[in-house]
Amino acid sequence: MNKVYYLSTCDTCKRIIKQLQLPGNFVFQDIKPEPVTVKQLEEMKVLSGSYESLFSRRAKLYKERNLASENLTEEDYKQLILEHYTFLKRPVIIVNGGIFTGNSKKTVEAAAKAVAAL
């Protein structure tokens, strides 16, 4: 299944989704009103290789809680993402079993190539 986890209030997410011109077979999940489930997060981890790769260090809570000074484990990353939506690096785009996480230019370009190959 092709899916996008995003935040509807995030201008960057909206810009990337518009830029990618995703076809109608994509499922969209706004992670604020509909939080990511344990099963969904575990599926993302299988595709990405780690919870850490799904974790956003840009989150305001990351700085507020001074998490940079802690030695976080994979289980910590998982629990933090499940605890609050801002800890998930956004957007997360799943295309034909591939996962593209975050908004870096390189990631968005790779996602665009995967979408174009559909």
N, C-alpha and C. Protein backbone atom coordinates (compact mmCIF):
# COMPACT_ATOMS: atom_id res chain seq x y z
N MET A 1 0.83 -1.18 0.00
CA MET A 1 0.00 0.00 0.00
C MET A 1 0.88 1.25 0.00
N ASN A 2 0.52 2.20 -0.82
CA ASN A 2 1.22 3.47 -0.88
C ASN A 2 0.56 4.42 0.11
N LYS A 3 1.37 5.01 0.98
CA LYS A 3 0.81 5.79 2.07
C LYS A 3 1.69 6.98 2.40
N VAL A 4 1.05 8.03 2.93
CA VAL A 4 1.76 9.22 3.38
C VAL A 4 1.31 9.53 4.80
N TYR A 5 2.27 9.61 5.70
CA TYR A 5 2.03 10.08 7.07
C TYR A 5 2.52 11.53 7.08
N TYR A 6 1.63 12.43 7.45
CA TYR A 6 1.97 13.85 7.37
C TYR A 6 1.23 14.62 8.45
N LEU A 7 1.49 15.90 8.51
CA LEU A 7 0.81 16.79 9.44
C LEU A 7 0.14 17.87 8.59
N SER A 8 -1.18 17.96 8.67
CA SER A 8 -1.92 18.89 7.80
C SER A 8 -1.61 20.35 8.10
N THR A 9 -1.10 20.63 9.29
CA THR A 9 -0.76 22.01 9.65
C THR A 9 0.67 22.37 9.26
N CYS A 10 1.40 21.43 8.67
CA CYS A 10 2.81 21.65 8.32
C CYS A 10 2.91 22.10 6.85
N ASP A 11 3.36 23.32 6.66
CA ASP A 11 3.50 23.84 5.30
C ASP A 11 4.49 23.04 4.47
N THR A 12 5.55 22.55 5.10
CA THR A 12 6.54 21.76 4.39
C THR A 12 5.93 20.46 3.89
N CYS A 13 5.15 19.79 4.74
CA CYS A 13 4.48 18.55 4.31
C CYS A 13 3.55 18.83 3.13
N LYS A 14 2.76 19.89 3.24
CA LYS A 14 1.82 20.24 2.17
C LYS A 14 2.57 20.53 0.86
N ARG A 15 3.67 21.26 0.96
CA ARG A 15 4.45 21.61 -0.23
C ARG A 15 5.00 20.35 -0.91
N ILE A 16 5.54 19.44 -0.10
CA ILE A 16 6.12 18.22 -0.66
C ILE A 16 5.05 17.34 -1.30
N ILE A 17 3.91 17.20 -0.63
CA ILE A 17 2.82 16.39 -1.18
C ILE A 17 2.35 16.97 -2.51
N LYS A 18 2.23 18.29 -2.57
CA LYS A 18 1.81 18.96 -3.81
C LYS A 18 2.87 18.76 -4.90
N GLN A 19 4.13 18.91 -4.52
CA GLN A 19 5.25 18.77 -5.47
C GLN A 19 5.29 17.36 -6.07
N LEU A 20 5.00 16.35 -5.26
CA LEU A 20 5.09 14.97 -5.72
C LEU A 20 3.93 14.57 -6.63
N GLN A 21 2.85 15.33 -6.61
CA GLN A 21 1.67 15.03 -7.43
C GLN A 21 1.30 13.55 -7.31
N LEU A 22 1.00 13.15 -6.09
CA LEU A 22 0.71 11.75 -5.80
C LEU A 22 -0.58 11.29 -6.45
N PRO A 23 -0.55 10.10 -7.07
CA PRO A 23 -1.77 9.57 -7.70
C PRO A 23 -2.82 9.19 -6.66
N GLY A 24 -4.01 8.90 -7.11
CA GLY A 24 -5.15 8.62 -6.25
C GLY A 24 -5.06 7.35 -5.42
N ASN A 25 -4.08 6.50 -5.68
CA ASN A 25 -3.99 5.25 -4.92
C ASN A 25 -3.22 5.40 -3.61
N PHE A 26 -2.91 6.62 -3.23
CA PHE A 26 -2.21 6.85 -1.97
C PHE A 26 -3.21 7.06 -0.84
N VAL A 27 -2.88 6.53 0.33
CA VAL A 27 -3.67 6.74 1.54
C VAL A 27 -2.93 7.80 2.35
N PHE A 28 -3.67 8.79 2.82
CA PHE A 28 -3.08 9.87 3.60
C PHE A 28 -3.54 9.76 5.04
N GLN A 29 -2.58 9.90 5.96
CA GLN A 29 -2.91 9.87 7.39
C GLN A 29 -2.30 11.08 8.07
N ASP A 30 -3.19 11.97 8.52
CA ASP A 30 -2.77 13.14 9.28
C ASP A 30 -2.49 12.66 10.71
N ILE A 31 -1.23 12.72 11.12
CA ILE A 31 -0.82 12.06 12.37
C ILE A 31 -1.21 12.80 13.64
N LYS A 32 -1.75 14.00 13.52
CA LYS A 32 -2.19 14.69 14.74
C LYS A 32 -3.56 14.17 15.19
N PRO A 33 -4.58 14.20 14.33
CA PRO A 33 -5.88 13.66 14.76
C PRO A 33 -5.93 12.13 14.75
N GLU A 34 -5.07 11.51 13.96
CA GLU A 34 -5.04 10.05 13.85
C GLU A 34 -3.60 9.56 14.10
N PRO A 35 -3.21 9.45 15.38
CA PRO A 35 -1.82 9.08 15.71
C PRO A 35 -1.39 7.74 15.10
N VAL A 36 -0.11 7.64 14.88
CA VAL A 36 0.49 6.41 14.36
C VAL A 36 0.31 5.31 15.41
N THR A 37 -0.09 4.13 14.95
CA THR A 37 -0.26 3.00 15.85
C THR A 37 1.06 2.25 16.02
N VAL A 38 1.11 1.38 17.01
CA VAL A 38 2.30 0.56 17.24
C VAL A 38 2.58 -0.27 15.98
N LYS A 39 1.54 -0.86 15.42
CA LYS A 39 1.71 -1.70 14.22
C LYS A 39 2.25 -0.88 13.05
N GLN A 40 1.70 0.30 12.84
CA GLN A 40 2.17 1.15 11.74
C GLN A 40 3.63 1.55 11.94
N LEU A 41 3.98 1.90 13.16
CA LEU A 41 5.36 2.30 13.45
C LEU A 41 6.31 1.12 13.25
N GLU A 42 5.89 -0.06 13.66
CA GLU A 42 6.73 -1.25 13.46
C GLU A 42 6.91 -1.54 11.98
N GLU A 43 5.87 -1.33 11.17
CA GLU A 43 5.98 -1.52 9.72
C GLU A 43 6.97 -0.51 9.12
N MET A 44 6.90 0.74 9.59
CA MET A 44 7.84 1.76 9.12
C MET A 44 9.27 1.40 9.50
N LYS A 45 9.44 0.85 10.71
CA LYS A 45 10.78 0.48 11.18
C LYS A 45 11.37 -0.63 10.31
N VAL A 46 10.54 -1.60 9.91
CA VAL A 46 11.01 -2.68 9.04
C VAL A 46 11.53 -2.09 7.72
N LEU A 47 10.79 -1.14 7.17
CA LEU A 47 11.20 -0.53 5.90
C LEU A 47 12.41 0.38 6.04
N SER A 48 12.50 1.10 7.15
CA SER A 48 13.58 2.08 7.30
C SER A 48 14.84 1.51 7.96
N GLY A 49 14.66 0.43 8.72
CA GLY A 49 15.81 -0.19 9.37
C GLY A 49 15.98 0.16 10.83
N SER A 50 15.38 1.27 11.27
CA SER A 50 15.51 1.64 12.69
C SER A 50 14.46 2.67 13.06
N TYR A 51 14.17 2.74 14.35
CA TYR A 51 13.28 3.78 14.85
C TYR A 51 14.01 5.12 14.83
N GLU A 52 15.30 5.08 15.05
CA GLU A 52 16.08 6.32 15.06
C GLU A 52 15.97 7.06 13.73
N SER A 53 15.94 6.33 12.61
CA SER A 53 15.83 6.97 11.30
C SER A 53 14.48 7.63 11.09
N LEU A 54 13.49 7.27 11.90
CA LEU A 54 12.15 7.86 11.82
C LEU A 54 11.97 9.01 12.80
N PHE A 55 12.96 9.23 13.64
CA PHE A 55 12.86 10.17 14.74
C PHE A 55 13.33 11.56 14.33
N SER A 56 12.55 12.57 14.70
CA SER A 56 12.89 13.95 14.38
C SER A 56 13.60 14.63 15.55
N ARG A 57 14.83 15.02 15.31
CA ARG A 57 15.57 15.77 16.32
C ARG A 57 15.26 17.26 16.24
N ARG A 58 14.42 17.65 15.30
CA ARG A 58 14.01 19.04 15.16
C ARG A 58 12.79 19.36 16.02
N ALA A 59 12.18 18.34 16.59
CA ALA A 59 10.97 18.54 17.39
C ALA A 59 11.25 19.47 18.56
N LYS A 60 10.32 20.37 18.79
CA LYS A 60 10.45 21.32 19.90
C LYS A 60 10.62 20.57 21.23
N LEU A 61 9.88 19.49 21.41
CA LEU A 61 9.97 18.70 22.64
C LEU A 61 11.35 18.08 22.83
N TYR A 62 12.02 17.77 21.72
CA TYR A 62 13.38 17.20 21.80
C TYR A 62 14.31 18.17 22.52
N LYS A 63 14.18 19.43 22.16
CA LYS A 63 15.02 20.46 22.79
C LYS A 63 14.54 20.75 24.21
N GLU A 64 13.22 20.87 24.39
CA GLU A 64 12.67 21.19 25.71
C GLU A 64 13.02 20.13 26.75
N ARG A 65 13.03 18.88 26.35
CA ARG A 65 13.34 17.78 27.28
C ARG A 65 14.84 17.50 27.37
N ASN A 66 15.63 18.26 26.63
CA ASN A 66 17.08 18.10 26.61
C ASN A 66 17.48 16.65 26.28
N LEU A 67 16.79 16.08 25.29
CA LEU A 67 17.05 14.68 24.92
C LEU A 67 18.40 14.49 24.23
N ALA A 68 18.96 15.56 23.71
CA ALA A 68 20.26 15.46 23.04
C ALA A 68 21.34 15.00 24.01
N SER A 69 21.16 15.28 25.28
CA SER A 69 22.16 14.91 26.27
C SER A 69 21.97 13.47 26.77
N GLU A 70 20.89 12.82 26.34
CA GLU A 70 20.64 11.45 26.77
C GLU A 70 21.10 10.46 25.71
N ASN A 71 21.42 9.26 26.16
CA ASN A 71 21.82 8.19 25.25
C ASN A 71 20.58 7.35 24.94
N LEU A 72 19.85 7.74 23.89
CA LEU A 72 18.58 7.10 23.57
C LEU A 72 18.78 5.76 22.87
N THR A 73 17.96 4.79 23.24
CA THR A 73 17.98 3.46 22.60
C THR A 73 16.89 3.39 21.55
N GLU A 74 16.90 2.34 20.77
CA GLU A 74 15.84 2.12 19.78
C GLU A 74 14.47 2.11 20.45
N GLU A 75 14.37 1.47 21.61
CA GLU A 75 13.10 1.42 22.34
C GLU A 75 12.68 2.83 22.79
N ASP A 76 13.64 3.65 23.18
CA ASP A 76 13.34 5.05 23.55
C ASP A 76 12.75 5.81 22.36
N TYR A 77 13.40 5.66 21.19
CA TYR A 77 12.90 6.34 19.99
C TYR A 77 11.47 5.89 19.68
N LYS A 78 11.24 4.59 19.77
CA LYS A 78 9.90 4.05 19.49
C LYS A 78 8.87 4.66 20.44
N GLN A 79 9.16 4.64 21.73
CA GLN A 79 8.22 5.15 22.72
C GLN A 79 7.97 6.65 22.56
N LEU A 80 9.00 7.41 22.25
CA LEU A 80 8.84 8.85 22.06
C LEU A 80 7.97 9.15 20.84
N ILE A 81 8.18 8.43 19.75
CA ILE A 81 7.35 8.63 18.55
C ILE A 81 5.90 8.30 18.85
N LEU A 82 5.67 7.21 19.58
CA LEU A 82 4.30 6.83 19.92
C LEU A 82 3.67 7.81 20.92
N GLU A 83 4.49 8.40 21.75
CA GLU A 83 4.01 9.32 22.78
C GLU A 83 3.52 10.63 22.18
N HIS A 84 4.24 11.17 21.18
CA HIS A 84 3.86 12.47 20.63
C HIS A 84 4.21 12.54 19.15
N TYR A 85 3.25 12.96 18.35
CA TYR A 85 3.39 12.98 16.90
C TYR A 85 4.56 13.82 16.40
N THR A 86 4.99 14.83 17.16
CA THR A 86 6.07 15.69 16.67
C THR A 86 7.41 14.97 16.59
N PHE A 87 7.52 13.82 17.25
CA PHE A 87 8.79 13.09 17.20
C PHE A 87 8.95 12.26 15.92
N LEU A 88 7.89 12.14 15.12
CA LEU A 88 8.02 11.42 13.85
C LEU A 88 8.52 12.39 12.78
N LYS A 89 9.61 12.01 12.14
CA LYS A 89 10.16 12.82 11.05
C LYS A 89 9.13 12.83 9.92
N ARG A 90 8.82 14.02 9.41
CA ARG A 90 7.74 14.12 8.43
C ARG A 90 8.20 14.79 7.15
N PRO A 91 7.48 14.49 6.06
CA PRO A 91 6.49 13.42 5.93
C PRO A 91 7.16 12.06 5.79
N VAL A 92 6.38 11.02 6.04
CA VAL A 92 6.83 9.65 5.76
C VAL A 92 6.03 9.19 4.56
N ILE A 93 6.74 8.87 3.48
CA ILE A 93 6.08 8.46 2.24
C ILE A 93 6.50 7.03 1.93
N ILE A 94 5.50 6.16 1.81
CA ILE A 94 5.76 4.76 1.50
C ILE A 94 5.26 4.50 0.09
N VAL A 95 6.19 4.08 -0.77
CA VAL A 95 5.87 3.83 -2.19
C VAL A 95 6.41 2.46 -2.57
N ASN A 96 5.51 1.56 -2.96
CA ASN A 96 5.91 0.22 -3.42
C ASN A 96 6.95 -0.44 -2.52
N GLY A 97 6.74 -0.38 -1.21
CA GLY A 97 7.64 -1.04 -0.28
C GLY A 97 8.89 -0.26 0.07
N GLY A 98 9.05 0.92 -0.51
CA GLY A 98 10.17 1.79 -0.16
C GLY A 98 9.68 2.89 0.77
N ILE A 99 10.56 3.38 1.61
CA ILE A 99 10.16 4.43 2.55
C ILE A 99 11.07 5.63 2.40
N PHE A 100 10.44 6.80 2.43
CA PHE A 100 11.15 8.08 2.31
C PHE A 100 10.71 8.94 3.48
N THR A 101 11.66 9.27 4.34
CA THR A 101 11.34 9.93 5.60
C THR A 101 12.01 11.29 5.69
N GLY A 102 11.21 12.30 5.95
CA GLY A 102 11.76 13.63 6.14
C GLY A 102 11.63 14.50 4.91
N ASN A 103 12.21 15.69 5.01
CA ASN A 103 12.01 16.69 3.96
C ASN A 103 13.30 17.17 3.30
N SER A 104 14.36 16.40 3.45
CA SER A 104 15.60 16.82 2.79
C SER A 104 15.42 16.74 1.28
N LYS A 105 16.15 17.57 0.58
CA LYS A 105 16.04 17.62 -0.88
C LYS A 105 16.31 16.25 -1.50
N LYS A 106 17.32 15.57 -1.00
CA LYS A 106 17.70 14.24 -1.50
C LYS A 106 16.56 13.23 -1.30
N THR A 107 15.92 13.27 -0.14
CA THR A 107 14.82 12.35 0.16
C THR A 107 13.62 12.63 -0.73
N VAL A 108 13.29 13.89 -0.89
CA VAL A 108 12.14 14.27 -1.72
C VAL A 108 12.39 13.88 -3.18
N GLU A 109 13.61 14.07 -3.66
CA GLU A 109 13.94 13.68 -5.04
C GLU A 109 13.83 12.17 -5.22
N ALA A 110 14.28 11.41 -4.24
CA ALA A 110 14.18 9.95 -4.32
C ALA A 110 12.72 9.51 -4.30
N ALA A 111 11.91 10.15 -3.48
CA ALA A 111 10.48 9.85 -3.43
C ALA A 111 9.83 10.18 -4.76
N ALA A 112 10.21 11.29 -5.36
CA ALA A 112 9.64 11.69 -6.65
C ALA A 112 9.95 10.65 -7.72
N LYS A 113 11.16 10.10 -7.71
CA LYS A 113 11.52 9.06 -8.68
C LYS A 113 10.68 7.81 -8.46
N ALA A 114 10.47 7.44 -7.21
CA ALA A 114 9.66 6.26 -6.91
C ALA A 114 8.21 6.45 -7.34
N VAL A 115 7.69 7.65 -7.12
CA VAL A 115 6.30 7.96 -7.51
C VAL A 115 6.19 7.95 -9.04
N ALA A 116 7.19 8.52 -9.72
CA ALA A 116 7.17 8.57 -11.18
C ALA A 116 7.21 7.18 -11.80
N ALA A 117 7.81 6.23 -11.08
CA ALA A 117 7.92 4.85 -11.59
C ALA A 117 6.62 4.05 -11.44
N LEU A 118 5.63 4.63 -10.76
CA LEU A 118 4.36 3.92 -10.58
C LEU A 118 3.62 3.76 -11.89
